[in-house]
Every structure is written in structure tokens, then in C-alpha cells.
């Protein structure tokens, strides 16, 4: 009755309309960028706090 493109075809059309990613300026997945930076910040903070504790009791 009504023709509708398959999911794969719709995804391919949407991907074709997107402009190419700029090298070094685009992180492909926004939430992944948030998680990545959050983990780096958490690790750095844990190291700083751990170092401060060790220096206090040494």
C-alpha cells in the first residue's frame, strides 16, 4: 500500500546528508565525550587526593 524505505536505507540517506567530520575538531558521540572527560577528571582527582593523603601521613 504505502512504500517506506527500510531502516538501513533511511540510515544511509541520513548519513549521506551529513557533512564530513572535521579532523581533530569533532568527537563523534557527545555522551561518550562526556563520559571520557569525566573519567579522566575523576582519575586525576583521585591521584591528587591520594598523593595528599600519603604526604600527610608520611
Protein backbone atom coordinates (compact mmCIF):
# COMPACT_ATOMS: atom_id res chain seq x y z
CA UNK A 1 0.00 0.00 0.00
CA UNK A 2 2.46 2.64 1.16
CA UNK A 3 6.13 2.26 0.32
CA UNK A 4 8.51 3.01 3.14
CA UNK A 5 12.27 2.67 2.90
CA UNK A 6 13.94 0.10 5.09
CA UNK A 7 15.78 1.20 8.22
CA UNK A 8 19.13 0.62 6.53
CA UNK A 9 18.18 2.80 3.57
CA UNK A 10 16.93 5.60 5.83
CA UNK A 11 20.13 5.49 7.87
CA UNK A 12 22.23 5.54 4.69
CA UNK A 13 20.28 8.56 3.39
CA UNK A 14 20.74 10.40 6.68
CA UNK A 15 24.46 9.60 6.76
CA UNK A 16 24.85 10.81 3.16
CA UNK A 17 23.30 14.18 4.06
CA UNK A 18 25.74 14.77 6.92
CA UNK A 19 28.80 16.83 6.21
CA UNK A 20 32.14 15.10 6.74
CA UNK A 21 33.69 15.23 10.20
CA UNK A 22 36.46 17.76 10.67
CA UNK A 23 39.75 16.20 11.69
CA UNK A 24 40.59 16.98 15.31
CA UNK A 25 37.51 19.13 15.95
CA UNK A 26 34.69 16.62 16.22
CA UNK A 27 34.12 13.98 18.85
CA UNK A 28 31.71 11.64 17.11
CA UNK A 29 29.49 10.83 20.06
CA UNK A 30 28.56 13.56 22.56
CA UNK A 31 27.72 11.36 25.57
CA UNK A 32 30.90 9.34 25.01
CA UNK A 33 32.89 12.58 25.15
CA UNK A 34 31.20 13.47 28.46
CA UNK A 35 31.96 10.04 29.96
CA UNK A 36 35.56 10.10 28.69
CA UNK A 37 36.33 13.53 30.13
CA UNK A 38 34.52 12.71 33.40
CA UNK A 39 36.63 9.58 33.87
CA UNK A 40 39.85 11.47 33.19
CA UNK A 41 38.89 14.18 35.71
CA UNK A 42 37.92 11.55 38.31
CA UNK A 43 41.24 9.69 37.90
CA UNK A 44 43.25 12.91 38.20
CA UNK A 45 41.32 13.94 41.33
CA UNK A 46 41.82 10.51 42.91
CA UNK A 47 45.56 10.72 42.26
CA UNK A 48 45.81 14.20 43.76
CA UNK A 49 43.79 13.23 46.86
CA UNK A 50 45.75 10.01 47.28
CA UNK A 51 49.04 11.86 46.97
CA UNK A 52 47.91 14.45 49.54
CA UNK A 53 46.93 11.68 51.98
CA UNK A 54 50.23 9.85 51.54
CA UNK A 55 52.22 13.07 52.02
CA UNK A 56 50.22 13.92 55.15
CA UNK A 57 50.94 10.60 56.89
CA UNK A 58 54.49 10.08 55.62
